[in-house]
C-alpha atoms as a PDB file:
ATOM      1  CA  MET A   1      49.089 138.831  64.418  1.00  0.00           C
ATOM      2  CA  ALA A   2      50.936 136.004  66.189  1.00  0.00           C
ATOM      3  CA  ILE A   3      54.675 136.557  66.520  1.00  0.00           C
ATOM      4  CA  LEU A   4      55.166 133.047  67.961  1.00  0.00           C
ATOM      5  CA  GLU A   5      53.452 129.821  66.919  1.00  0.00           C
ATOM      6  CA  VAL A   6      54.167 126.660  68.896  1.00  0.00           C
ATOM      7  CA  SER A   7      52.516 123.526  67.526  1.00  0.00           C
ATOM      8  CA  HIS A   8      52.358 119.981  68.961  1.00  0.00           C
ATOM      9  CA  ILE A   9      55.657 120.154  70.842  1.00  0.00           C
ATOM     10  CA  GLU A  10      56.716 116.929  72.560  1.00  0.00           C
ATOM     11  CA  LYS A  11      59.797 116.239  74.655  1.00  0.00           C
ATOM     12  CA  HIS A  12      60.976 113.019  76.310  1.00  0.00           C
ATOM     13  CA  PHE A  13      63.856 112.344  78.670  1.00  0.00           C
ATOM     14  CA  GLY A  14      64.299 108.583  78.368  1.00  0.00           C
ATOM     15  CA  ASN A  15      60.898 107.032  79.059  1.00  0.00           C
ATOM     16  CA  THR A  16      59.611 110.171  80.793  1.00  0.00           C
ATOM     17  CA  LYS A  17      57.320 112.327  78.679  1.00  0.00           C
ATOM     18  CA  VAL A  18      57.990 115.900  79.865  1.00  0.00           C
ATOM     19  CA  LEU A  19      55.959 117.781  77.223  1.00  0.00           C
ATOM     20  CA  GLU A  20      52.996 116.320  75.366  1.00  0.00           C
ATOM     21  CA  ASP A  21      51.219 117.964  72.433  1.00  0.00           C
ATOM     22  CA  VAL A  22      51.919 121.549  73.606  1.00  0.00           C
ATOM     23  CA  SER A  23      50.459 124.171  71.248  1.00  0.00           C
ATOM     24  CA  PHE A  24      49.899 127.904  71.708  1.00  0.00           C
ATOM     25  CA  SER A  25      50.441 131.229  69.982  1.00  0.00           C
ATOM     26  CA  LEU A  26      51.563 134.629  71.245  1.00  0.00           C
ATOM     27  CA  GLU A  27      50.767 138.004  69.722  1.00  0.00           C
ATOM     28  CA  GLU A  28      53.411 140.707  69.351  1.00  0.00           C
ATOM     29  CA  GLY A  29      53.493 143.128  72.297  1.00  0.00           C
ATOM     30  CA  LYS A  30      51.661 140.733  74.619  1.00  0.00           C
ATOM     31  CA  ALA A  31      52.802 138.992  77.804  1.00  0.00           C
ATOM     32  CA  LEU A  32      52.098 135.313  78.444  1.00  0.00           C
ATOM     33  CA  ALA A  33      52.471 133.819  81.936  1.00  0.00           C
ATOM     34  CA  ILE A  34      52.983 130.068  82.371  1.00  0.00           C
ATOM     35  CA  ILE A  35      51.980 128.672  85.760  1.00  0.00           C
ATOM     36  CA  GLY A  36      51.943 125.196  87.271  1.00  0.00           C
ATOM     37  CA  SER A  37      53.548 122.989  89.896  1.00  0.00           C
ATOM     38  CA  SER A  38      57.221 122.021  89.938  1.00  0.00           C
ATOM     39  CA  GLY A  39      57.855 119.342  87.328  1.00  0.00           C
ATOM     40  CA  SER A  40      54.898 120.330  85.143  1.00  0.00           C
ATOM     41  CA  GLY A  41      57.133 121.063  82.130  1.00  0.00           C
ATOM     42  CA  LYS A  42      57.247 124.877  82.279  1.00  0.00           C
ATOM     43  CA  THR A  43      61.043 125.269  82.289  1.00  0.00           C
ATOM     44  CA  THR A  44      61.536 122.513  79.702  1.00  0.00           C
ATOM     45  CA  LEU A  45      59.125 124.339  77.402  1.00  0.00           C
ATOM     46  CA  LEU A  46      61.131 127.571  77.773  1.00  0.00           C
ATOM     47  CA  ARG A  47      64.376 125.683  77.132  1.00  0.00           C
ATOM     48  CA  CYS A  48      62.893 124.177  73.955  1.00  0.00           C
ATOM     49  CA  LEU A  49      61.836 127.636  72.750  1.00  0.00           C
ATOM     50  CA  ASN A  50      65.364 128.944  73.369  1.00  0.00           C
ATOM     51  CA  PHE A  51      66.965 125.921  71.670  1.00  0.00           C
ATOM     52  CA  LEU A  52      68.707 124.892  74.872  1.00  0.00           C
ATOM     53  CA  GLU A  53      66.817 121.608  74.424  1.00  0.00           C
ATOM     54  CA  ALA A  54      65.669 120.064  71.142  1.00  0.00           C
ATOM     55  CA  PRO A  55      62.008 118.980  71.085  1.00  0.00           C
ATOM     56  CA  ASP A  56      61.286 115.467  69.811  1.00  0.00           C
ATOM     57  CA  GLN A  57      58.289 116.581  67.757  1.00  0.00           C
ATOM     58  CA  GLY A  58      56.371 119.673  66.694  1.00  0.00           C
ATOM     59  CA  THR A  59      57.135 123.046  65.155  1.00  0.00           C
ATOM     60  CA  ILE A  60      58.255 126.452  66.440  1.00  0.00           C
ATOM     61  CA  SER A  61      57.772 129.514  64.223  1.00  0.00           C
ATOM     62  CA  VAL A  62      58.664 133.157  64.845  1.00  0.00           C
ATOM     63  CA  LYS A  63      57.314 135.881  62.534  1.00  0.00           C
ATOM     64  CA  GLY A  64      56.210 133.198  60.088  1.00  0.00           C
ATOM     65  CA  GLU A  65      59.677 131.611  59.864  1.00  0.00           C
ATOM     66  CA  VAL A  66      59.837 127.953  60.922  1.00  0.00           C
ATOM     67  CA  LEU A  67      62.779 127.684  63.336  1.00  0.00           C
ATOM     68  CA  PHE A  68      62.160 124.079  64.332  1.00  0.00           C
ATOM     69  CA  ASP A  69      60.372 121.300  62.486  1.00  0.00           C
ATOM     70  CA  GLY A  70      60.419 117.927  64.225  1.00  0.00           C
ATOM     71  CA  SER A  71      59.419 116.115  61.048  1.00  0.00           C
ATOM     72  CA  ALA A  72      62.481 117.351  59.127  1.00  0.00           C
ATOM     73  CA  PRO A  73      66.064 116.098  59.553  1.00  0.00           C
ATOM     74  CA  HIS A  74      67.530 118.185  62.357  1.00  0.00           C
ATOM     75  CA  VAL A  75      71.161 119.224  62.267  1.00  0.00           C
ATOM     76  CA  GLY A  76      72.091 121.374  65.257  1.00  0.00           C
ATOM     77  CA  ARG A  77      75.081 123.276  63.955  1.00  0.00           C
ATOM     78  CA  GLU A  78      76.163 125.745  66.622  1.00  0.00           C
ATOM     79  CA  LYS A  79      76.156 128.771  64.314  1.00  0.00           C
ATOM     80  CA  GLU A  80      72.584 128.002  63.177  1.00  0.00           C
ATOM     81  CA  LEU A  81      71.469 127.460  66.774  1.00  0.00           C
ATOM     82  CA  ARG A  82      72.967 130.809  67.807  1.00  0.00           C
ATOM     83  CA  LYS A  83      71.056 132.535  65.010  1.00  0.00           C
ATOM     84  CA  LYS A  84      67.785 130.919  66.126  1.00  0.00           C
ATOM     85  CA  ARG A  85      68.407 131.831  69.765  1.00  0.00           C
ATOM     86  CA  LEU A  86      68.666 135.513  68.793  1.00  0.00           C
ATOM     87  CA  HIS A  87      64.871 135.556  68.448  1.00  0.00           C
ATOM     88  CA  PHE A  88      64.629 134.899  72.202  1.00  0.00           C
ATOM     89  CA  GLY A  89      66.173 136.595  75.214  1.00  0.00           C
ATOM     90  CA  MET A  90      66.418 134.331  78.264  1.00  0.00           C
ATOM     91  CA  VAL A  91      66.490 135.448  81.906  1.00  0.00           C
ATOM     92  CA  PHE A  92      67.325 132.553  84.221  1.00  0.00           C
ATOM     93  CA  GLN A  93      66.379 131.962  87.862  1.00  0.00           C
ATOM     94  CA  SER A  94      69.934 132.336  89.125  1.00  0.00           C
ATOM     95  CA  PHE A  95      71.192 135.294  87.025  1.00  0.00           C
ATOM     96  CA  HIS A  96      74.133 133.455  85.330  1.00  0.00           C
ATOM     97  CA  LEU A  97      76.293 136.594  85.313  1.00  0.00           C
ATOM     98  CA  PHE A  98      80.033 136.289  84.716  1.00  0.00           C
ATOM     99  CA  PRO A  99      81.664 137.081  88.088  1.00  0.00           C
ATOM    100  CA  GLN A 100      84.863 138.437  86.504  1.00  0.00           C
ATOM    101  CA  TYR A 101      83.000 141.121  84.521  1.00  0.00           C
ATOM    102  CA  THR A 102      81.326 144.336  85.683  1.00  0.00           C
ATOM    103  CA  ALA A 103      77.607 144.905  85.202  1.00  0.00           C
ATOM    104  CA  LEU A 104      78.346 146.918  82.051  1.00  0.00           C
ATOM    105  CA  GLU A 105      80.722 144.278  80.649  1.00  0.00           C
ATOM    106  CA  ASN A 106      78.153 141.533  81.295  1.00  0.00           C
ATOM    107  CA  VAL A 107      75.540 143.446  79.288  1.00  0.00           C
ATOM    108  CA  MET A 108      77.963 144.334  76.469  1.00  0.00           C
ATOM    109  CA  LEU A 109      79.444 140.847  76.058  1.00  0.00           C
ATOM    110  CA  ALA A 110      76.879 139.156  73.775  1.00  0.00           C
ATOM    111  CA  GLU A 111      76.533 142.192  71.521  1.00  0.00           C
ATOM    112  CA  GLU A 112      80.337 142.432  71.230  1.00  0.00           C
ATOM    113  CA  MET A 113      80.594 138.764  70.258  1.00  0.00           C
ATOM    114  CA  LEU A 114      77.921 139.238  67.607  1.00  0.00           C
ATOM    115  CA  ALA A 115      79.595 142.416  66.299  1.00  0.00           C
ATOM    116  CA  LYS A 116      82.848 140.513  65.694  1.00  0.00           C
ATOM    117  CA  GLU A 117      81.056 138.557  62.964  1.00  0.00           C
ATOM    118  CA  ARG A 118      80.357 141.806  61.055  1.00  0.00           C
ATOM    119  CA  GLU A 119      82.450 142.398  57.939  1.00  0.00           C
ATOM    120  CA  ASP A 120      83.190 145.994  58.957  1.00  0.00           C
ATOM    121  CA  TYR A 121      84.164 145.141  62.561  1.00  0.00           C
ATOM    122  CA  LYS A 122      87.951 145.451  62.159  1.00  0.00           C
ATOM    123  CA  SER A 123      87.793 148.722  60.246  1.00  0.00           C
ATOM    124  CA  ASN A 124      85.188 150.297  62.560  1.00  0.00           C
ATOM    125  CA  LYS A 125      85.999 148.555  65.842  1.00  0.00           C
ATOM    126  CA  ARG A 126      86.205 151.686  68.001  1.00  0.00           C
ATOM    127  CA  GLU A 127      82.922 153.182  66.725  1.00  0.00           C
ATOM    128  CA  ILE A 128      81.073 149.854  67.006  1.00  0.00           C
ATOM    129  CA  GLN A 129      82.277 149.257  70.570  1.00  0.00           C
ATOM    130  CA  GLU A 130      81.283 152.784  71.585  1.00  0.00           C
ATOM    131  CA  GLU A 131      77.830 152.224  70.091  1.00  0.00           C
ATOM    132  CA  ILE A 132      77.481 148.966  72.056  1.00  0.00           C
ATOM    133  CA  ARG A 133      78.670 150.695  75.228  1.00  0.00           C
ATOM    134  CA  LYS A 134      76.090 153.487  74.880  1.00  0.00           C
ATOM    135  CA  HIS A 135      73.319 150.982  74.191  1.00  0.00           C
ATOM    136  CA  SER A 136      74.306 148.892  77.243  1.00  0.00           C
ATOM    137  CA  LEU A 137      74.525 151.973  79.494  1.00  0.00           C
ATOM    138  CA  GLY A 138      71.039 152.954  78.352  1.00  0.00           C
ATOM    139  CA  LEU A 139      69.670 149.507  79.217  1.00  0.00           C
ATOM    140  CA  LEU A 140      71.244 149.572  82.674  1.00  0.00           C
ATOM    141  CA  ALA A 141      69.779 153.035  83.252  1.00  0.00           C
ATOM    142  CA  GLN A 142      66.383 151.676  82.191  1.00  0.00           C
ATOM    143  CA  MET A 143      66.819 148.996  84.882  1.00  0.00           C
ATOM    144  CA  GLY A 144      67.581 151.678  87.500  1.00  0.00           C
ATOM    145  CA  LEU A 145      71.266 150.713  87.633  1.00  0.00           C
ATOM    146  CA  ALA A 146      72.990 153.790  86.185  1.00  0.00           C
ATOM    147  CA  GLU A 147      75.074 154.070  89.391  1.00  0.00           C
ATOM    148  CA  ARG A 148      76.100 150.390  89.362  1.00  0.00           C
ATOM    149  CA  THR A 149      77.640 149.965  85.902  1.00  0.00           C
ATOM    150  CA  GLY A 150      81.177 149.455  87.244  1.00  0.00           C
ATOM    151  CA  HIS A 151      80.159 147.038  90.018  1.00  0.00           C
ATOM    152  CA  TYR A 152      80.944 143.338  89.868  1.00  0.00           C
ATOM    153  CA  PRO A 153      78.166 140.783  90.545  1.00  0.00           C
ATOM    154  CA  HIS A 154      79.379 140.099  94.104  1.00  0.00           C
ATOM    155  CA  GLN A 155      78.953 143.820  94.849  1.00  0.00           C
ATOM    156  CA  LEU A 156      75.297 143.767  93.790  1.00  0.00           C
ATOM    157  CA  SER A 157      72.180 142.520  95.591  1.00  0.00           C
ATOM    158  CA  GLY A 158      70.262 139.599  94.094  1.00  0.00           C
ATOM    159  CA  GLY A 159      67.637 141.973  92.733  1.00  0.00           C
ATOM    160  CA  GLN A 160      70.302 144.147  91.108  1.00  0.00           C
ATOM    161  CA  GLN A 161      71.994 141.080  89.592  1.00  0.00           C
ATOM    162  CA  GLN A 162      68.686 139.939  88.126  1.00  0.00           C
ATOM    163  CA  ARG A 163      68.123 143.404  86.636  1.00  0.00           C
ATOM    164  CA  VAL A 164      71.591 143.225  85.022  1.00  0.00           C
ATOM    165  CA  ALA A 165      70.544 139.846  83.603  1.00  0.00           C
ATOM    166  CA  ILE A 166      67.367 141.421  82.178  1.00  0.00           C
ATOM    167  CA  ALA A 167      69.416 144.221  80.577  1.00  0.00           C
ATOM    168  CA  ARG A 168      71.736 141.595  79.084  1.00  0.00           C
ATOM    169  CA  ALA A 169      68.765 139.666  77.642  1.00  0.00           C
ATOM    170  CA  LEU A 170      67.416 142.886  76.090  1.00  0.00           C
ATOM    171  CA  ALA A 171      70.802 143.856  74.590  1.00  0.00           C
ATOM    172  CA  LEU A 172      70.371 141.790  71.427  1.00  0.00           C
ATOM    173  CA  LYS A 173      66.849 143.157  70.820  1.00  0.00           C
ATOM    174  CA  PRO A 174      65.102 139.767  70.910  1.00  0.00           C
ATOM    175  CA  ASP A 175      61.635 139.303  69.444  1.00  0.00           C
ATOM    176  CA  ILE A 176      60.500 137.555  72.629  1.00  0.00           C
ATOM    177  CA  LEU A 177      61.851 137.958  76.172  1.00  0.00           C
ATOM    178  CA  CYS A 178      61.614 134.811  78.310  1.00  0.00           C
ATOM    179  CA  PHE A 179      61.755 134.656  82.108  1.00  0.00           C
ATOM    180  CA  ASP A 180      62.194 131.405  84.048  1.00  0.00           C
ATOM    181  CA  GLU A 181      60.938 132.035  87.606  1.00  0.00           C
ATOM    182  CA  PRO A 182      62.747 135.408  87.699  1.00  0.00           C
ATOM    183  CA  THR A 183      62.134 135.982  91.436  1.00  0.00           C
ATOM    184  CA  SER A 184      62.510 132.464  92.867  1.00  0.00           C
ATOM    185  CA  ALA A 185      66.141 133.006  93.933  1.00  0.00           C
ATOM    186  CA  LEU A 186      65.386 136.347  95.607  1.00  0.00           C
ATOM    187  CA  ASP A 187      64.463 137.368  99.130  1.00  0.00           C
ATOM    188  CA  PRO A 188      60.868 138.667  99.331  1.00  0.00           C
ATOM    189  CA  GLU A 189      61.979 142.297  99.722  1.00  0.00           C
ATOM    190  CA  LEU A 190      64.006 142.086  96.477  1.00  0.00           C
ATOM    191  CA  THR A 191      61.217 140.397  94.499  1.00  0.00           C
ATOM    192  CA  GLY A 192      59.245 143.634  94.159  1.00  0.00           C
ATOM    193  CA  GLU A 193      62.008 145.548  92.365  1.00  0.00           C
ATOM    194  CA  VAL A 194      62.364 142.850  89.691  1.00  0.00           C
ATOM    195  CA  LEU A 195      58.592 142.545  89.235  1.00  0.00           C
ATOM    196  CA  ARG A 196      58.398 146.338  88.815  1.00  0.00           C
ATOM    197  CA  VAL A 197      60.925 146.155  85.975  1.00  0.00           C
ATOM    198  CA  ILE A 198      58.960 143.374  84.240  1.00  0.00           C
ATOM    199  CA  ARG A 199      55.728 145.321  84.754  1.00  0.00           C
ATOM    200  CA  GLY A 200      57.403 148.337  83.097  1.00  0.00           C
ATOM    201  CA  LEU A 201      58.456 146.193  80.129  1.00  0.00           C
ATOM    202  CA  ALA A 202      54.861 144.960  79.774  1.00  0.00           C
ATOM    203  CA  GLU A 203      53.649 148.570  79.747  1.00  0.00           C
ATOM    204  CA  GLN A 204      56.083 149.205  76.867  1.00  0.00           C
ATOM    205  CA  ASN A 205      54.469 146.297  74.971  1.00  0.00           C
ATOM    206  CA  THR A 206      57.504 144.031  75.190  1.00  0.00           C
ATOM    207  CA  THR A 207      56.594 140.542  73.965  1.00  0.00           C
ATOM    208  CA  MET A 208      57.251 138.233  76.931  1.00  0.00           C
ATOM    209  CA  ILE A 209      56.819 134.694  78.217  1.00  0.00           C
ATOM    210  CA  ILE A 210      57.049 134.545  82.010  1.00  0.00           C
ATOM    211  CA  VAL A 211      57.227 131.289  83.960  1.00  0.00           C
ATOM    212  CA  THR A 212      56.228 132.431  87.438  1.00  0.00           C
ATOM    213  CA  HIS A 213      54.879 131.345  90.808  1.00  0.00           C
ATOM    214  CA  GLU A 214      53.653 134.902  91.528  1.00  0.00           C
ATOM    215  CA  MET A 215      49.928 134.435  90.844  1.00  0.00           C
ATOM    216  CA  ALA A 216      48.803 138.022  91.509  1.00  0.00           C
ATOM    217  CA  PHE A 217      51.591 139.286  89.241  1.00  0.00           C
ATOM    218  CA  ALA A 218      50.611 136.845  86.481  1.00  0.00           C
ATOM    219  CA  ARG A 219      46.986 137.975  86.740  1.00  0.00           C
ATOM    220  CA  ASP A 220      47.779 141.702  86.734  1.00  0.00           C
ATOM    221  CA  VAL A 221      50.656 141.897  84.233  1.00  0.00           C
ATOM    222  CA  ALA A 222      50.141 139.061  81.733  1.00  0.00           C
ATOM    223  CA  ASP A 223      47.571 139.266  78.948  1.00  0.00           C
ATOM    224  CA  GLN A 224      47.266 135.483  78.744  1.00  0.00           C
ATOM    225  CA  VAL A 225      47.932 132.637  81.179  1.00  0.00           C
ATOM    226  CA  ILE A 226      48.697 128.975  80.494  1.00  0.00           C
ATOM    227  CA  PHE A 227      48.324 126.435  83.303  1.00  0.00           C
ATOM    228  CA  MET A 228      50.468 123.316  82.791  1.00  0.00           C
ATOM    229  CA  ASP A 229      50.280 120.027  84.624  1.00  0.00           C
ATOM    230  CA  GLY A 230      52.043 116.772  83.771  1.00  0.00           C
ATOM    231  CA  GLY A 231      53.571 118.193  80.600  1.00  0.00           C
ATOM    232  CA  VAL A 232      50.257 119.243  79.040  1.00  0.00           C
ATOM    233  CA  ILE A 233      48.385 122.537  78.806  1.00  0.00           C
ATOM    234  CA  VAL A 234      45.335 122.019  81.029  1.00  0.00           C
ATOM    235  CA  GLU A 235      43.862 125.500  80.647  1.00  0.00           C
ATOM    236  CA  ALA A 236      44.700 128.658  78.723  1.00  0.00           C
ATOM    237  CA  GLY A 237      42.997 132.003  78.377  1.00  0.00           C
ATOM    238  CA  GLU A 238      42.820 135.619  79.440  1.00  0.00           C
ATOM    239  CA  SER A 239      44.828 136.046  82.653  1.00  0.00           C
ATOM    240  CA  ARG A 240      42.063 137.185  84.995  1.00  0.00           C
ATOM    241  CA  GLN A 241      39.703 134.518  83.742  1.00  0.00           C
ATOM    242  CA  VAL A 242      42.194 131.672  84.295  1.00  0.00           C
ATOM    243  CA  ILE A 243      43.398 132.831  87.717  1.00  0.00           C
ATOM    244  CA  ASP A 244      40.184 134.294  89.184  1.00  0.00           C
ATOM    245  CA  HIS A 245      37.633 132.027  87.463  1.00  0.00           C
ATOM    246  CA  PRO A 246      39.352 128.796  86.325  1.00  0.00           C
ATOM    247  CA  ARG A 247      37.171 126.376  84.381  1.00  0.00           C
ATOM    248  CA  GLU A 248      39.164 123.147  84.778  1.00  0.00           C
ATOM    249  CA  GLU A 249      39.117 121.190  88.022  1.00  0.00           C
ATOM    250  CA  ARG A 250      42.908 120.689  87.985  1.00  0.00           C
ATOM    251  CA  THR A 251      43.430 124.446  87.623  1.00  0.00           C
ATOM    252  CA  LYS A 252      41.039 125.116  90.521  1.00  0.00           C
ATOM    253  CA  GLN A 253      42.908 122.625  92.738  1.00  0.00           C
ATOM    254  CA  PHE A 254      46.294 124.149  91.916  1.00  0.00           C
ATOM    255  CA  LEU A 255      45.170 127.729  92.535  1.00  0.00           C
ATOM    256  CA  SER A 256      43.272 126.932  95.754  1.00  0.00           C
ATOM    257  CA  ARG A 257      46.346 125.177  97.145  1.00  0.00           C
ATOM    258  CA  TYR A 258      48.483 128.118  96.094  1.00  0.00           C
ATOM    259  CA  LYS A 259      46.197 130.624  97.810  1.00  0.00           C
ATOM    260  CA  CYS A 260      46.198 128.534 100.985  1.00  0.00           C
ATOM    261  CA  GLU A 261      50.004 128.340 100.996  1.00  0.00           C
ATOM    262  CA  GLY A 262      50.193 132.102 100.400  1.00  0.00           C
ATOM    263  CA  ASN A 263      48.126 132.759 103.514  1.00  0.00           C
ATOM    264  CA  HIS A 264      50.639 131.229 105.920  1.00  0.00           C
END
């Protein structure tokens, strides 16, 4: 059963059409990789799914609930937007950690803010915070960072910072975990440790959307691949089929160029 249904999404910036008639679905426990050149609309699509951008048209549904309907009057009240964003966890290219907080505090922060809206927060503050702390420590341990919980971002490598960011995205138990080029800001030797974490999440059947330029990783870890070009989905299908045996000429051109660049 599809956990995510995206139908006829369009997005314009001025006269520039960035997304055009984008439709796809994602099953629970599956990983979807989105590939394509810079400027093909991949990041804008992720931002629309996370309600960091509002699409101009189309619908977005999670677990059968329509979160966005472009044909209905759209009022973006911040509290409603926050509630919708809880369905998605977002891991950015450049970590976006708060420099003044430790790794543990960065992971705990969003869950603490959400807990403050609970009716029983004031009366059970100590127990709730301890619960959040234990949950966050467990996530950092899962990321291989049990020894780094008290470190500040500047004391961590890029790969470690990105793993803290992944733990933070997981903290609110999102339905779908989204990655926007999670290794593009990392040195090659640090890329592997982040990809290993994502591979482990895939093995645990975490529902994920991964925008990536790592073609071999997309082929081996994702269940499905979408190739985007010029704001449209050119080709979509099972990951090995799309990457090893693309059907569309534009997909073939993109992948052959990518393989050539990777050989240098």
